[in-house]
Every structure is written in structure tokens, then in C-alpha cells.
Amino acid sequence: MSATTPEKKAPLSLAYYVHSLVCLCIMFGFGLLDPVEPLTPLGMRLVGVFLGVLYGWVFIEIVWPSLAGLLAMMLVGGMKPVTLLNNSFGHPIVQMMFFIFVFCATINHYGLSRFISLWFITRKFVAGRPWLFSFTFLASIFILGALTSASPAALIGWGILYGVCEVCGFKKGDGYPTMMVFGIVFAAQVGMSLIPFKQAALTVFSAYETMSGVGIDYAKYMLIALLICAVCSLLFIVMGKYIFRPDMSKLVHLDVSKLDKDGSLVLSRVQKVILAFLFLLVILLLAPNFMPKDFFLTRFLKGIGNTGIVILLVTVMAAIKVEGKPLLNFKVMVDSGVTWGIVLLLAFVQPLTIAMAAPGSGITDFLMQLLTPFFGESSSITFALFIGFAAVALTQVMNNGAVGVALMPIIYSYCQAANVSPELPLIMVVMGVHFAFLTPAASASAALLHGNEWSDSKAIWKTAPAVILMSYLVTAAITIIVGKAIF
């Protein structure tokens, strides 16, 4: 039996310990300062906990600052342990996020992600049409980003792109692969916004719902998000054709049959079952918005809620046996698919937003004092455009979920004081935090992009600002025009 020498880990830098100390000092020390009216002493302590955890999210990591924030809520935030845990890990939204991760891991486990992307780009109508092929390719990545998350969608998309480059003869540094390496990350990031039941969108919407007690119609949101994704994808292709202008001649005679080297386009019986469960999940989550309220299925689905629907499908999949093994191996899917940082972030956000919205904290009144000079006489549209731009800017250097959570008290305070509907600013923020691909710190997929040898930072910085601006303008136009019509 051979022994292996454990790999030496790099020592943590002094900056890590300095940031950790600052994080804890803000978290537990800010509340010792004299309250700034109309903040109460409790409000000061809650602001300190929030700012401390936010600092940790930006400069350290997600996991332990979120856990420290939960402890701070017990020690200085005035929340008893039982109440805190019921409103954090016991909250239906947190549990739903956990089971959504398990469900999405199953999709990846059975190779459906690669099938979806290959299926789109091997349709006959794209043959010999390079720009239509590219648009269809990006559309498939939008869908993968929605069904899984941005990083795996980007990696799958890149793998297929490299196959295209090999067949066509593209080399590193050529215009087309450089454009599409970026375009795939762009599509994966924006695609994550499509389904409001997972990751950043769920984090933001649940934070506002917990704070205000008012939710958003997911079906209407998905319609707006789908329009935004479709138009952004189309305009990216337009920018490619008339601004980036890569040489597309090698794509004209692309034989797409050579891309499916491992038979991914032939679905097995098990894959077909998983695909059926995927469609069933989306249908059941949206169905209560369209079916009659007194219909027995509507009452059942509303009775168990969105979290119960996801748990129901995961339970059925775990109970089904294929060749003596469960269709969904729960332990394997948890180990491979659950992003615990996001779960912990969401578990911290739920009790914090409840406490911050309470009148006894004075936080809502304080925020309105700050906002009134800027938006006191402005329309709700102006506010929505501003808050959306703030989300787009901040998400380039901060975790997108953290950005969304940080902006929720502002939206809640403004909408409550101005007596306006929150849907437009909420959608602007949710969409805005997904345009995170300018800097390596913007998102995990952005970090992958900056490390991709088929691209370089210079090309990214030449491309990304224009694409981000285009995406923001598209989001603003569709949100205002369509949003005002349907909400």
C-alpha cells in the first residue's frame, strides 16, 4: 500500500485575517455607536450585523460570515435562537433552494445539459447559416443557464465550441472563438435569470417577500425575463455582425454531425424520464397561476407551495428504482450539486430582512430620509432605472445575491412610502445582478472567462462594457413597457 504525501496548502495571507477582524468588528461593534435618528439602538445593531456580513461576503467568502451573522442575530440582533432557526434554515425558501440544487444536479448527472445544447445547434435550419447557428447556440446556453447555473452551462458550451473550432479549423486568437467564448458566459449568466425559483432570483425575491409580505407573480416575471433574454441574445449577434465582425466563412460548411462524438443526442430511457420530470417541475410551479382557484389540483399545489412541489418530485425520483438503484441518488446529488454558500446566504437573509423591516428598528424611516432628497418628486420609473443601474454596477465587484439583498431595504422603503408597486424595480434588480461578467470578481463564470486561454482580458474589457450597456437598456425598455402593461 503506497502512502501519499498530503498536498501543502498555501498559508492564509495577512489580508485575510485583517478582513476577518474588520468583518467581526463591524458586525458586533457598529451597534455600540450612538443611533442616528430615526434608527433605534436595535436598528443600529441590525445595520451593523448586515454591514459586517456584507463586508465579509465581498472581501472574504460567503460561508463563515453568513454563519457568524446568524450568531450575531442571536447575540446582538434581539432574535431568540428558536425563532432565528425557524426563520432561517426552517424557512420554506431556504429549503426550496436546497431541493432545487438537488434536482438540477440530477439533470447534470444524466447528461441532459449537453443534449439540450447539441440538439439546438444540430437542427437543419441552421446549416450553412453561421449567424443563425451562433444565435441558436447562445439560445441553448440561455436555457442551460436557466436549468442549471452559469458555470456548468458555460463549461458545457465551451466544450461544444471547442469541437466546432476543431471541425472548422479555428485557432486561438481568431475572432469567432474569442467572441463566442465571451458570448457563452454572457448567455449563461443572463439565462440564470429566467427561472425565479433558484439562486440569485429566488434570493432577491424571497428577501423582498419576507420583508414586505408581498410576493411577485412568477409567471409574469418569466415572460419579461424570457423577452429580455431573447432580445439580448439577438442584439449580441447583431453586435457581432456589425461591430466585432469575426470571419465566419469557415462555419458555412460546418458538418454538425461531427460534434456528437459520444452519442449525446440519443436519449436513453432514463434520460427521457428525467427530461419529463424537468418539464413537470416547470408546469407544476406555474400551473396555479393559470388554473381555476377552486380546482382540486390548484388547491393541492397551493397547499404544499413551491417548496412542497420540488420536494414531491425529488421524493418520487428518489423512490423510482432503475436497475435496482434509485433514479435520484440523494446523497450523491447533495454532495455534487448543493452550493452551500448560497444556501447559507439565503438562511441569513430571511431572519435579517424580517428584523430590518420591523417598525422597532427604524431602518425603513431612516432609508426614506436618505432617499427623499433624490426621489421624493421622481416617478417610480426613474427609481426603477436608478436601482437597476446600481445593481448592474455593484454586481461587477460583489456577489450578485448579496447585491440584490443589499438593495431590497431601499426598494421596500421607497415603494412603501411612495405607495407604488415594487415589481418594476424588483425586476430591474434581479435582471441587473445577472449581468456579472466584466471583472473576475463579478461571478464564478466571469472568473472562468478571465482564465480561459481562448480569450484574454483585453478582449473582455473591449467587449463586456458595450454588452452590459446593451443589456441594461434592453432590460429597462422591456421592463417598463411590458411590465407596466401586465402588472
Protein backbone atom coordinates (compact mmCIF):
# COMPACT_ATOMS: atom_id res chain seq x y z
CA MET A 1 0.00 0.00 0.00
CA SER A 2 1.61 3.24 -1.08
CA ALA A 3 1.42 6.34 1.03
CA THR A 4 0.70 9.70 -0.47
CA THR A 5 2.11 12.94 0.76
CA PRO A 6 -0.65 15.41 1.59
CA GLU A 7 -0.65 18.47 -0.60
CA LYS A 8 0.64 21.57 1.14
CA LYS A 9 -1.85 24.35 1.37
CA ALA A 10 -0.80 27.94 0.86
CA PRO A 11 -0.82 29.85 4.16
CA LEU A 12 -3.57 32.38 4.55
CA SER A 13 -2.37 35.92 3.93
CA LEU A 14 -2.32 38.71 6.48
CA ALA A 15 -5.05 40.44 4.47
CA TYR A 16 -7.41 37.53 5.16
CA TYR A 17 -7.05 37.95 8.92
CA VAL A 18 -7.32 41.73 8.67
CA HIS A 19 -10.53 41.46 6.65
CA SER A 20 -11.88 38.86 9.10
CA LEU A 21 -11.17 41.15 12.05
CA VAL A 22 -12.82 44.12 10.31
CA CYS A 23 -15.83 41.96 9.45
CA LEU A 24 -16.34 40.93 13.09
CA CYS A 25 -15.70 44.44 14.42
CA ILE A 26 -18.38 45.89 12.16
CA MET A 27 -20.77 43.04 12.93
CA PHE A 28 -20.54 43.34 16.72
CA GLY A 29 -19.17 46.84 17.24
CA PHE A 30 -21.24 49.07 14.95
CA GLY A 31 -24.28 48.77 17.20
CA LEU A 32 -22.33 50.30 20.10
CA LEU A 33 -22.34 53.67 18.34
CA ASP A 34 -24.99 56.24 19.17
CA PRO A 35 -28.08 55.68 16.99
CA VAL A 36 -28.64 58.10 14.13
CA GLU A 37 -32.29 59.10 14.30
CA PRO A 38 -34.72 57.65 13.38
CA LEU A 39 -32.66 54.48 13.87
CA THR A 40 -33.21 52.80 17.23
CA PRO A 41 -30.46 51.01 19.20
CA LEU A 42 -31.80 47.73 17.82
CA GLY A 43 -31.73 49.21 14.31
CA MET A 44 -28.10 50.22 14.75
CA ARG A 45 -27.18 46.70 15.83
CA LEU A 46 -29.05 45.17 12.88
CA VAL A 47 -27.35 47.56 10.44
CA GLY A 48 -24.02 46.56 11.98
CA VAL A 49 -24.76 42.87 11.51
CA PHE A 50 -25.80 43.48 7.91
CA LEU A 51 -22.79 45.66 7.04
CA GLY A 52 -20.40 43.24 8.75
CA VAL A 53 -21.71 40.23 6.85
CA LEU A 54 -21.79 42.23 3.60
CA TYR A 55 -18.14 43.17 4.14
CA GLY A 56 -17.33 39.51 4.68
CA TRP A 57 -19.16 38.48 1.53
CA VAL A 58 -17.19 40.99 -0.53
CA PHE A 59 -13.70 40.58 0.90
CA ILE A 60 -13.60 37.08 2.42
CA GLU A 61 -16.17 34.45 1.37
CA ILE A 62 -19.85 33.56 1.73
CA VAL A 63 -19.86 30.68 4.22
CA TRP A 64 -18.44 31.69 7.56
CA PRO A 65 -19.56 35.36 7.51
CA SER A 66 -23.13 34.10 6.94
CA LEU A 67 -22.84 31.72 9.89
CA ALA A 68 -21.30 34.48 12.02
CA GLY A 69 -24.20 36.72 11.01
CA LEU A 70 -26.67 34.14 12.31
CA LEU A 71 -24.85 34.07 15.64
CA ALA A 72 -24.81 37.87 15.73
CA MET A 73 -28.58 37.91 15.17
CA MET A 74 -28.92 35.86 18.36
CA LEU A 75 -26.36 37.80 20.41
CA VAL A 76 -27.00 41.42 19.42
CA GLY A 77 -29.90 41.29 16.95
CA GLY A 78 -32.58 40.60 19.53
CA MET A 79 -33.74 37.31 17.99
CA LYS A 80 -34.14 34.16 20.09
CA PRO A 81 -32.41 31.02 18.78
CA VAL A 82 -35.62 29.06 18.10
CA THR A 83 -37.19 31.99 16.22
CA LEU A 84 -33.98 32.59 14.30
CA LEU A 85 -33.59 28.99 13.17
CA ASN A 86 -37.25 28.72 12.20
CA ASN A 87 -36.89 31.83 10.03
CA SER A 88 -33.54 30.78 8.55
CA PHE A 89 -32.95 27.08 7.87
CA GLY A 90 -36.61 26.36 8.57
CA HIS A 91 -37.84 28.91 6.04
CA PRO A 92 -39.57 27.32 3.01
CA ILE A 93 -37.50 29.40 0.59
CA VAL A 94 -34.21 28.09 2.02
CA GLN A 95 -35.48 24.52 1.87
CA MET A 96 -36.68 25.05 -1.68
CA MET A 97 -33.24 26.30 -2.73
CA PHE A 98 -31.67 23.16 -1.27
CA PHE A 99 -34.01 20.80 -3.13
CA ILE A 100 -33.72 22.80 -6.37
CA PHE A 101 -29.96 22.25 -6.22
CA VAL A 102 -30.56 18.51 -5.77
CA PHE A 103 -32.95 18.46 -8.73
CA CYS A 104 -30.60 20.40 -11.00
CA ALA A 105 -27.68 18.14 -10.04
CA THR A 106 -29.73 15.21 -11.33
CA ILE A 107 -30.12 16.92 -14.73
CA ASN A 108 -26.35 17.31 -14.98
CA HIS A 109 -25.69 13.81 -13.66
CA TYR A 110 -27.61 12.20 -16.52
CA GLY A 111 -26.01 14.37 -19.24
CA LEU A 112 -29.14 16.25 -20.26
CA SER A 113 -27.35 19.60 -20.32
CA ARG A 114 -25.09 18.59 -23.22
CA PHE A 115 -28.04 17.01 -25.03
CA ILE A 116 -30.05 20.26 -24.85
CA SER A 117 -27.24 22.37 -26.29
CA LEU A 118 -26.33 19.91 -29.05
CA TRP A 119 -29.97 19.40 -30.00
CA PHE A 120 -30.39 23.12 -30.76
CA ILE A 121 -27.28 23.58 -32.89
CA THR A 122 -27.79 20.41 -34.94
CA ARG A 123 -31.15 21.48 -36.39
CA LYS A 124 -31.24 21.53 -40.19
CA PHE A 125 -32.40 25.14 -40.41
CA VAL A 126 -29.04 26.42 -39.04
CA ALA A 127 -26.89 24.53 -41.54
CA GLY A 128 -24.90 26.91 -43.77
CA ARG A 129 -26.12 29.96 -41.81
CA PRO A 130 -23.29 30.97 -39.47
CA TRP A 131 -25.08 33.80 -37.68
CA LEU A 132 -28.28 31.81 -37.19
CA PHE A 133 -26.15 28.92 -35.93
CA SER A 134 -24.48 31.27 -33.42
CA PHE A 135 -27.81 32.71 -32.26
CA THR A 136 -29.23 29.20 -31.77
CA PHE A 137 -26.08 28.18 -29.92
CA LEU A 138 -26.43 31.09 -27.49
CA ALA A 139 -30.15 30.39 -27.08
CA SER A 140 -29.30 26.85 -25.95
CA ILE A 141 -26.87 28.26 -23.38
CA PHE A 142 -29.58 30.60 -22.09
CA ILE A 143 -31.70 27.53 -21.43
CA LEU A 144 -28.82 25.64 -19.79
CA GLY A 145 -28.11 28.62 -17.54
CA ALA A 146 -31.76 28.63 -16.50
CA LEU A 147 -31.94 24.89 -15.82
CA THR A 148 -28.59 24.51 -14.06
CA SER A 149 -26.39 27.53 -13.33
CA ALA A 150 -23.97 29.74 -15.20
CA SER A 151 -20.68 27.96 -14.55
CA PRO A 152 -21.67 24.43 -15.69
CA ALA A 153 -23.61 25.92 -18.62
CA ALA A 154 -20.51 27.89 -19.68
CA LEU A 155 -18.22 24.86 -19.38
CA ILE A 156 -20.59 22.69 -21.44
CA GLY A 157 -20.93 25.46 -24.04
CA TRP A 158 -17.18 25.91 -24.27
CA GLY A 159 -16.70 22.17 -24.73
CA ILE A 160 -19.06 22.21 -27.72
CA LEU A 161 -17.45 25.41 -29.07
CA TYR A 162 -14.00 23.80 -28.97
CA GLY A 163 -15.44 20.95 -31.03
CA VAL A 164 -16.78 23.47 -33.56
CA CYS A 165 -13.36 25.13 -33.72
CA GLU A 166 -11.65 21.78 -34.26
CA VAL A 167 -14.01 20.81 -37.11
CA CYS A 168 -13.85 24.24 -38.78
CA GLY A 169 -10.16 24.93 -38.20
CA PHE A 170 -10.46 27.97 -35.92
CA LYS A 171 -7.37 28.74 -33.83
CA LYS A 172 -6.89 30.52 -30.51
CA GLY A 173 -6.99 34.25 -31.05
CA ASP A 174 -9.35 34.06 -34.04
CA GLY A 175 -12.27 36.45 -33.90
CA TYR A 176 -15.12 33.93 -33.83
CA PRO A 177 -13.99 31.75 -30.89
CA THR A 178 -12.97 34.88 -28.96
CA MET A 179 -16.43 36.36 -29.44
CA MET A 180 -18.26 33.13 -28.62
CA VAL A 181 -16.19 32.30 -25.52
CA PHE A 182 -17.46 35.59 -24.11
CA GLY A 183 -20.94 35.15 -25.61
CA ILE A 184 -21.39 31.78 -23.92
CA VAL A 185 -20.66 33.27 -20.47
CA PHE A 186 -22.97 36.19 -21.27
CA ALA A 187 -25.77 33.81 -22.26
CA ALA A 188 -25.21 31.54 -19.25
CA GLN A 189 -25.26 34.46 -16.80
CA VAL A 190 -28.37 36.12 -18.21
CA GLY A 191 -30.07 32.76 -18.67
CA MET A 192 -29.90 32.16 -14.91
CA SER A 193 -32.48 34.92 -14.51
CA LEU A 194 -35.13 33.01 -16.49
CA ILE A 195 -36.39 30.80 -13.68
CA PRO A 196 -37.24 32.68 -10.46
CA PHE A 197 -37.20 29.54 -8.31
CA LYS A 198 -33.44 29.29 -7.92
CA GLN A 199 -30.23 31.06 -6.92
CA ALA A 200 -29.97 34.86 -7.23
CA ALA A 201 -33.52 35.47 -8.44
CA LEU A 202 -35.01 33.43 -5.60
CA THR A 203 -32.69 35.08 -3.08
CA VAL A 204 -33.75 38.58 -4.13
CA PHE A 205 -37.47 37.90 -4.49
CA SER A 206 -37.63 36.00 -1.19
CA ALA A 207 -35.78 38.80 0.62
CA TYR A 208 -38.37 41.32 -0.53
CA GLU A 209 -41.28 38.97 0.14
CA THR A 210 -40.01 38.26 3.66
CA MET A 211 -39.58 41.96 4.31
CA SER A 212 -42.90 43.15 2.86
CA GLY A 213 -45.17 40.13 2.95
CA VAL A 214 -45.90 40.73 -0.75
CA GLY A 215 -44.68 38.39 -3.49
CA ILE A 216 -44.37 38.74 -7.25
CA ASP A 217 -46.23 36.83 -9.96
CA TYR A 218 -43.58 34.39 -11.18
CA ALA A 219 -45.33 33.66 -14.48
CA LYS A 220 -45.39 37.35 -15.44
CA TYR A 221 -41.78 37.75 -14.36
CA MET A 222 -40.73 34.78 -16.50
CA LEU A 223 -42.45 36.32 -19.53
CA ILE A 224 -40.47 39.55 -19.10
CA ALA A 225 -37.21 37.67 -18.41
CA LEU A 226 -37.73 35.49 -21.48
CA LEU A 227 -38.25 38.55 -23.69
CA ILE A 228 -35.14 40.19 -22.25
CA CYS A 229 -33.04 37.07 -22.82
CA ALA A 230 -34.28 36.66 -26.39
CA VAL A 231 -33.67 40.29 -27.34
CA CYS A 232 -30.26 40.40 -25.62
CA SER A 233 -29.20 37.25 -27.46
CA LEU A 234 -30.37 38.68 -30.78
CA LEU A 235 -28.65 42.04 -30.22
CA PHE A 236 -25.42 40.30 -29.21
CA ILE A 237 -25.45 38.61 -32.62
CA VAL A 238 -26.17 41.98 -34.27
CA MET A 239 -23.21 43.49 -32.39
CA GLY A 240 -21.10 40.56 -33.54
CA LYS A 241 -22.07 41.02 -37.17
CA TYR A 242 -21.64 44.79 -37.37
CA ILE A 243 -19.18 45.68 -34.57
CA PHE A 244 -16.99 42.67 -33.65
CA ARG A 245 -17.13 41.32 -37.25
CA PRO A 246 -15.28 37.97 -36.95
CA ASP A 247 -14.53 35.83 -40.00
CA MET A 248 -17.48 33.41 -40.30
CA SER A 249 -16.59 31.77 -43.62
CA LYS A 250 -15.32 28.56 -42.01
CA LEU A 251 -18.75 27.96 -40.43
CA VAL A 252 -20.61 27.86 -43.74
CA HIS A 253 -19.67 24.23 -44.41
CA LEU A 254 -19.72 23.03 -40.78
CA ASP A 255 -20.78 19.36 -40.52
CA VAL A 256 -22.64 19.40 -37.20
CA SER A 257 -22.86 15.59 -37.14
CA LYS A 258 -19.16 15.56 -36.20
CA LEU A 259 -19.91 17.42 -32.95
CA ASP A 260 -21.74 14.49 -31.37
CA LYS A 261 -18.77 12.20 -30.81
CA ASP A 262 -20.15 10.45 -27.72
CA GLY A 263 -23.75 9.88 -28.83
CA SER A 264 -25.20 12.59 -26.58
CA LEU A 265 -28.08 13.22 -28.99
CA VAL A 266 -29.52 9.74 -28.47
CA LEU A 267 -31.52 9.83 -25.26
CA SER A 268 -31.68 6.75 -23.10
CA ARG A 269 -34.91 5.71 -21.40
CA VAL A 270 -33.67 7.08 -18.08
CA GLN A 271 -32.76 10.44 -19.66
CA LYS A 272 -36.24 10.69 -21.14
CA VAL A 273 -37.72 10.13 -17.68
CA ILE A 274 -35.52 12.87 -16.19
CA LEU A 275 -36.49 15.22 -19.02
CA ALA A 276 -40.16 14.50 -18.29
CA PHE A 277 -39.61 15.39 -14.62
CA LEU A 278 -37.96 18.64 -15.69
CA PHE A 279 -40.98 19.68 -17.76
CA LEU A 280 -43.28 18.55 -14.94
CA LEU A 281 -41.44 20.73 -12.43
CA VAL A 282 -41.89 23.89 -14.51
CA ILE A 283 -45.53 23.08 -15.25
CA LEU A 284 -46.45 22.40 -11.60
CA LEU A 285 -44.69 25.54 -10.35
CA LEU A 286 -46.53 27.75 -12.84
CA ALA A 287 -49.87 25.93 -13.05
CA PRO A 288 -51.54 27.56 -10.00
CA ASN A 289 -51.27 30.94 -11.76
CA PHE A 290 -53.44 29.73 -14.65
CA MET A 291 -55.83 27.10 -13.26
CA PRO A 292 -59.18 27.92 -11.57
CA LYS A 293 -58.72 28.73 -7.90
CA ASP A 294 -61.28 26.16 -6.71
CA PHE A 295 -59.88 23.32 -8.86
CA PHE A 296 -58.67 20.45 -6.64
CA LEU A 297 -55.20 20.40 -8.23
CA THR A 298 -54.83 24.16 -7.70
CA ARG A 299 -55.77 23.78 -4.03
CA PHE A 300 -53.32 20.89 -3.66
CA LEU A 301 -50.39 22.73 -5.27
CA LYS A 302 -51.03 25.92 -3.31
CA GLY A 303 -51.41 23.84 -0.17
CA ILE A 304 -47.91 22.38 -0.44
CA GLY A 305 -46.43 25.52 -2.02
CA ASN A 306 -43.47 25.76 -4.38
CA THR A 307 -41.17 24.13 -1.85
CA GLY A 308 -43.54 21.21 -1.44
CA ILE A 309 -43.75 20.75 -5.23
CA VAL A 310 -39.97 20.44 -5.53
CA ILE A 311 -39.81 18.07 -2.54
CA LEU A 312 -42.62 15.97 -4.04
CA LEU A 313 -40.79 15.48 -7.34
CA VAL A 314 -37.46 14.77 -5.62
CA THR A 315 -39.22 12.21 -3.41
CA VAL A 316 -40.80 10.45 -6.39
CA MET A 317 -37.49 10.41 -8.28
CA ALA A 318 -35.70 9.00 -5.23
CA ALA A 319 -38.39 6.31 -4.87
CA ILE A 320 -38.19 5.15 -8.51
CA LYS A 321 -35.74 2.28 -8.98
CA VAL A 322 -33.73 1.79 -12.18
CA GLU A 323 -31.81 -1.49 -12.29
CA GLY A 324 -32.11 -1.73 -8.53
CA LYS A 325 -30.77 1.79 -7.91
CA PRO A 326 -32.73 4.99 -7.17
CA LEU A 327 -33.29 7.28 -10.14
CA LEU A 328 -32.15 10.12 -7.89
CA ASN A 329 -29.35 9.13 -5.51
CA PHE A 330 -29.97 11.75 -2.86
CA LYS A 331 -26.55 11.63 -1.19
CA VAL A 332 -24.68 11.81 -4.48
CA MET A 333 -26.81 14.72 -5.73
CA VAL A 334 -26.38 16.63 -2.46
CA ASP A 335 -22.61 16.11 -2.49
CA SER A 336 -22.23 17.14 -6.14
CA GLY A 337 -24.95 19.74 -6.60
CA VAL A 338 -25.71 21.77 -3.47
CA THR A 339 -23.91 25.12 -3.35
CA TRP A 340 -23.86 25.58 0.40
CA GLY A 341 -22.66 29.17 0.23
CA ILE A 342 -25.89 30.24 -1.47
CA VAL A 343 -28.00 28.20 0.97
CA LEU A 344 -26.26 29.84 3.95
CA LEU A 345 -26.56 33.30 2.39
CA LEU A 346 -30.28 32.77 1.98
CA ALA A 347 -30.61 31.34 5.50
CA PHE A 348 -29.06 34.52 6.91
CA VAL A 349 -31.09 36.87 4.73
CA GLN A 350 -34.53 35.60 5.78
CA PRO A 351 -34.46 36.47 9.52
CA LEU A 352 -32.44 39.64 8.89
CA THR A 353 -34.97 41.10 6.46
CA ILE A 354 -37.81 40.37 8.89
CA ALA A 355 -35.99 42.20 11.67
CA MET A 356 -34.94 45.15 9.48
CA ALA A 357 -38.49 45.70 8.23
CA ALA A 358 -39.95 45.80 11.74
CA PRO A 359 -41.02 49.32 12.85
CA GLY A 360 -38.98 48.94 16.05
CA SER A 361 -35.71 49.12 14.12
CA GLY A 362 -36.36 52.50 12.49
CA ILE A 363 -34.46 51.32 9.38
CA THR A 364 -37.32 51.95 6.94
CA ASP A 365 -37.79 55.53 8.19
CA PHE A 366 -34.03 56.13 8.05
CA LEU A 367 -33.75 54.94 4.45
CA MET A 368 -36.66 57.13 3.42
CA GLN A 369 -34.91 60.18 4.89
CA LEU A 370 -31.92 59.36 2.70
CA LEU A 371 -33.99 58.68 -0.43
CA THR A 372 -36.43 61.57 -0.25
CA PRO A 373 -33.97 64.26 -1.45
CA PHE A 374 -33.19 62.14 -4.51
CA PHE A 375 -36.54 60.53 -5.36
CA GLY A 376 -39.12 62.44 -3.39
CA GLU A 377 -40.58 64.04 -6.50
CA SER A 378 -39.44 61.44 -9.02
CA SER A 379 -41.58 58.84 -10.74
CA SER A 380 -41.40 55.15 -9.94
CA ILE A 381 -39.86 54.58 -13.38
CA THR A 382 -36.92 56.88 -12.57
CA PHE A 383 -36.38 55.00 -9.33
CA ALA A 384 -36.54 51.63 -11.11
CA LEU A 385 -33.97 52.76 -13.69
CA PHE A 386 -31.62 54.06 -10.99
CA ILE A 387 -31.85 51.00 -8.75
CA GLY A 388 -31.38 48.72 -11.77
CA PHE A 389 -28.23 50.61 -12.81
CA ALA A 390 -26.91 50.37 -9.25
CA ALA A 391 -27.43 46.60 -9.35
CA VAL A 392 -25.58 46.30 -12.67
CA ALA A 393 -22.63 48.36 -11.39
CA LEU A 394 -22.32 46.71 -7.97
CA THR A 395 -22.58 43.15 -9.26
CA GLN A 396 -19.31 43.60 -11.17
CA VAL A 397 -17.43 43.59 -7.86
CA MET A 398 -19.81 41.83 -5.45
CA ASN A 399 -21.73 38.57 -5.18
CA ASN A 400 -24.97 39.01 -7.13
CA GLY A 401 -27.15 37.63 -4.36
CA ALA A 402 -25.51 39.99 -1.86
CA VAL A 403 -26.11 42.96 -4.17
CA GLY A 404 -29.77 42.08 -4.54
CA VAL A 405 -30.24 41.64 -0.80
CA ALA A 406 -28.48 44.94 -0.06
CA LEU A 407 -30.88 46.81 -2.36
CA MET A 408 -34.10 45.25 -1.04
CA PRO A 409 -34.50 47.54 2.01
CA ILE A 410 -34.15 50.54 -0.31
CA ILE A 411 -36.84 49.24 -2.68
CA TYR A 412 -39.12 48.32 0.22
CA SER A 413 -38.74 51.72 1.89
CA TYR A 414 -39.31 53.67 -1.32
CA CYS A 415 -42.31 51.65 -2.52
CA GLN A 416 -43.95 51.72 0.90
CA ALA A 417 -43.53 55.48 1.30
CA ALA A 418 -44.46 56.33 -2.29
CA ASN A 419 -47.30 53.77 -2.32
CA VAL A 420 -46.13 52.32 -5.64
CA SER A 421 -45.90 48.77 -6.92
CA PRO A 422 -42.48 47.10 -6.37
CA GLU A 423 -42.47 44.89 -9.48
CA LEU A 424 -40.54 47.18 -11.85
CA PRO A 425 -37.60 47.95 -9.53
CA LEU A 426 -37.53 44.31 -8.39
CA ILE A 427 -37.24 43.04 -11.96
CA MET A 428 -34.59 45.65 -12.80
CA VAL A 429 -32.51 44.49 -9.82
CA VAL A 430 -32.96 40.77 -10.45
CA MET A 431 -32.01 41.11 -14.09
CA GLY A 432 -29.23 43.60 -13.33
CA VAL A 433 -27.38 41.34 -10.90
CA HIS A 434 -27.11 38.69 -13.61
CA PHE A 435 -25.06 40.96 -15.92
CA ALA A 436 -22.00 39.92 -13.92
CA PHE A 437 -19.20 39.23 -16.39
CA LEU A 438 -16.91 42.29 -16.53
CA THR A 439 -14.39 41.51 -13.77
CA PRO A 440 -13.17 38.18 -12.31
CA ALA A 441 -14.89 39.15 -9.04
CA ALA A 442 -18.29 39.56 -10.74
CA SER A 443 -19.22 35.86 -10.70
CA ALA A 444 -17.76 32.35 -10.81
CA SER A 445 -18.36 32.16 -14.56
CA ALA A 446 -16.67 35.54 -15.04
CA ALA A 447 -13.63 34.21 -13.20
CA LEU A 448 -13.63 31.22 -15.57
CA LEU A 449 -13.89 33.60 -18.52
CA HIS A 450 -10.86 35.64 -17.45
CA GLY A 451 -8.89 32.41 -17.07
CA ASN A 452 -9.91 30.97 -20.44
CA GLU A 453 -6.95 30.58 -22.79
CA TRP A 454 -9.15 31.16 -25.84
CA SER A 455 -9.78 34.72 -24.67
CA ASP A 456 -7.86 37.44 -22.90
CA SER A 457 -8.60 40.31 -20.53
CA LYS A 458 -8.08 42.92 -23.24
CA ALA A 459 -10.75 41.38 -25.44
CA ILE A 460 -13.11 41.03 -22.47
CA TRP A 461 -12.72 44.68 -21.47
CA LYS A 462 -13.30 45.77 -25.06
CA THR A 463 -16.46 43.66 -25.36
CA ALA A 464 -18.09 43.47 -21.94
CA PRO A 465 -18.89 47.17 -21.24
CA ALA A 466 -20.79 47.53 -24.54
CA VAL A 467 -22.69 44.27 -23.95
CA ILE A 468 -23.54 45.25 -20.37
CA LEU A 469 -24.83 48.65 -21.51
CA MET A 470 -26.89 46.99 -24.25
CA SER A 471 -28.31 44.50 -21.75
CA TYR A 472 -29.23 47.23 -19.27
CA LEU A 473 -31.01 49.28 -21.96
CA VAL A 474 -32.91 46.22 -23.22
CA THR A 475 -33.91 45.32 -19.66
CA ALA A 476 -35.08 48.87 -18.94
CA ALA A 477 -37.14 49.13 -22.13
CA ILE A 478 -38.84 45.73 -21.82
CA THR A 479 -39.41 46.02 -18.06
CA ILE A 480 -41.03 49.43 -18.37
CA ILE A 481 -43.08 48.75 -21.50
CA VAL A 482 -44.19 45.19 -20.80
CA GLY A 483 -44.05 45.44 -17.01
CA LYS A 484 -46.38 48.41 -16.84
CA ALA A 485 -48.79 46.63 -19.18
CA ILE A 486 -49.09 43.36 -17.23
CA PHE A 487 -48.56 44.32 -13.57
